[in-house]
């Protein structure tokens, strides 16, 4: 099971003015927030436990279009690939809590 969605971080995002003046780059934490939001929209019954093996391979610039590909690796893991065309931007694994039974 997998999902691919398109995204863009607007140049008006509040984190960008100080990250880096004259040459803005989307901070990694903002990119991760976008990835986690996409994962939870795709798997709304899941809860995030953590991240594993996250790599930032290329900078993301404001207003640039990129895709987030998610793949369920079985219980407890979703891999992600963030890319712009053929260029890899970030990769990693989202760890999920095991589903809980009735309370």
Protein backbone atom coordinates (compact mmCIF):
# COMPACT_ATOMS: atom_id res chain seq x y z
CA UNK A 1 0.00 0.00 0.00
CA UNK A 2 1.39 3.41 -0.95
CA UNK A 3 0.56 7.08 -1.45
CA UNK A 4 2.08 9.94 -3.46
CA UNK A 5 1.10 13.57 -2.87
CA UNK A 6 2.33 16.89 -4.25
CA UNK A 7 3.49 19.72 -1.98
CA UNK A 8 5.06 23.16 -1.84
CA UNK A 9 6.23 25.33 1.07
CA UNK A 10 5.18 28.93 0.38
CA UNK A 11 7.77 31.71 0.44
CA UNK A 12 5.57 33.39 3.08
CA UNK A 13 6.15 30.57 5.61
CA UNK A 14 7.18 32.19 8.93
CA UNK A 15 10.39 30.15 9.26
CA UNK A 16 11.95 31.39 6.02
CA UNK A 17 13.01 35.01 6.66
CA UNK A 18 15.89 33.94 8.93
CA UNK A 19 16.79 30.72 7.15
CA UNK A 20 19.05 32.00 5.14
CA UNK A 21 18.66 35.69 4.26
CA UNK A 22 19.13 36.26 0.54
CA UNK A 23 19.13 32.52 -0.19
CA UNK A 24 16.08 31.00 1.55
CA UNK A 25 16.01 27.26 2.22
CA UNK A 26 13.14 25.36 3.81
CA UNK A 27 14.30 24.13 7.25
CA UNK A 28 14.42 20.36 7.68
CA UNK A 29 11.91 20.48 10.52
CA UNK A 30 9.37 22.22 8.24
CA UNK A 31 9.91 19.56 5.58
CA UNK A 32 9.47 16.82 8.19
CA UNK A 33 6.26 18.44 9.42
CA UNK A 34 4.92 18.33 5.84
CA UNK A 35 5.94 14.64 5.52
CA UNK A 36 4.36 13.67 8.86
CA UNK A 37 1.17 15.59 8.02
CA UNK A 38 0.95 13.72 4.70
CA UNK A 39 1.50 10.39 6.48
CA UNK A 40 -1.20 11.06 9.07
CA UNK A 41 -3.66 12.19 6.38
CA UNK A 42 -2.98 8.89 4.57
CA UNK A 43 -3.08 6.71 7.71
CA UNK A 44 -5.31 8.67 10.12
CA UNK A 45 -5.73 5.76 12.55
CA UNK A 46 -1.97 5.63 13.18
CA UNK A 47 0.04 7.48 15.80
CA UNK A 48 3.65 8.48 15.26
CA UNK A 49 6.23 6.97 17.61
CA UNK A 50 9.34 8.45 16.01
CA UNK A 51 11.55 8.81 12.98
CA UNK A 52 14.39 6.56 11.86
CA UNK A 53 17.27 7.04 9.43
CA UNK A 54 16.14 10.44 8.11
CA UNK A 55 18.46 11.89 5.47
CA UNK A 56 18.30 15.33 3.89
CA UNK A 57 19.98 14.97 0.50
CA UNK A 58 19.24 18.28 -1.25
CA UNK A 59 17.88 21.63 -0.07
CA UNK A 60 14.27 22.54 -0.71
CA UNK A 61 13.60 26.11 -1.82
CA UNK A 62 10.41 28.06 -1.11
CA UNK A 63 7.57 27.66 -3.62
CA UNK A 64 9.28 24.69 -5.32
CA UNK A 65 7.05 21.68 -6.04
CA UNK A 66 7.99 18.31 -4.57
CA UNK A 67 6.30 14.97 -4.02
CA UNK A 68 6.09 12.83 -0.92
CA UNK A 69 5.89 9.10 -1.58
CA UNK A 70 4.83 6.95 1.37
CA UNK A 71 4.88 3.17 1.56
CA UNK A 72 3.57 1.00 4.38
CA UNK A 73 6.22 -1.56 5.31
CA UNK A 74 3.91 -3.60 7.48
CA UNK A 75 2.90 -2.96 11.05
CA UNK A 76 4.68 -0.05 12.60
CA UNK A 77 6.66 1.43 9.68
CA UNK A 78 6.12 3.82 6.80
CA UNK A 79 9.01 4.74 4.51
CA UNK A 80 9.07 8.10 2.81
CA UNK A 81 10.84 9.56 -0.19
CA UNK A 82 10.60 13.26 -0.82
CA UNK A 83 11.65 14.24 -4.35
CA UNK A 84 11.47 16.91 -7.02
CA UNK A 85 11.32 15.08 -10.33
CA UNK A 86 14.21 12.62 -10.34
CA UNK A 87 16.09 14.51 -7.60
CA UNK A 88 15.88 12.95 -4.13
CA UNK A 89 15.41 15.55 -1.39
CA UNK A 90 14.88 13.46 1.74
CA UNK A 91 14.33 9.84 2.76
CA UNK A 92 13.55 8.04 5.99
CA UNK A 93 11.22 5.86 8.01
CA UNK A 94 8.30 6.85 10.22
CA UNK A 95 7.81 4.54 13.20
CA UNK A 96 4.25 4.00 14.39
CA UNK A 97 2.75 2.87 17.68
CA UNK A 98 1.23 -0.58 17.62
CA UNK A 99 -2.56 -0.40 17.31
CA UNK A 100 -4.22 -0.52 20.69
CA UNK A 101 -7.16 -2.71 21.53
CA UNK A 102 -10.47 -1.52 22.95
CA UNK A 103 -10.17 0.64 26.04
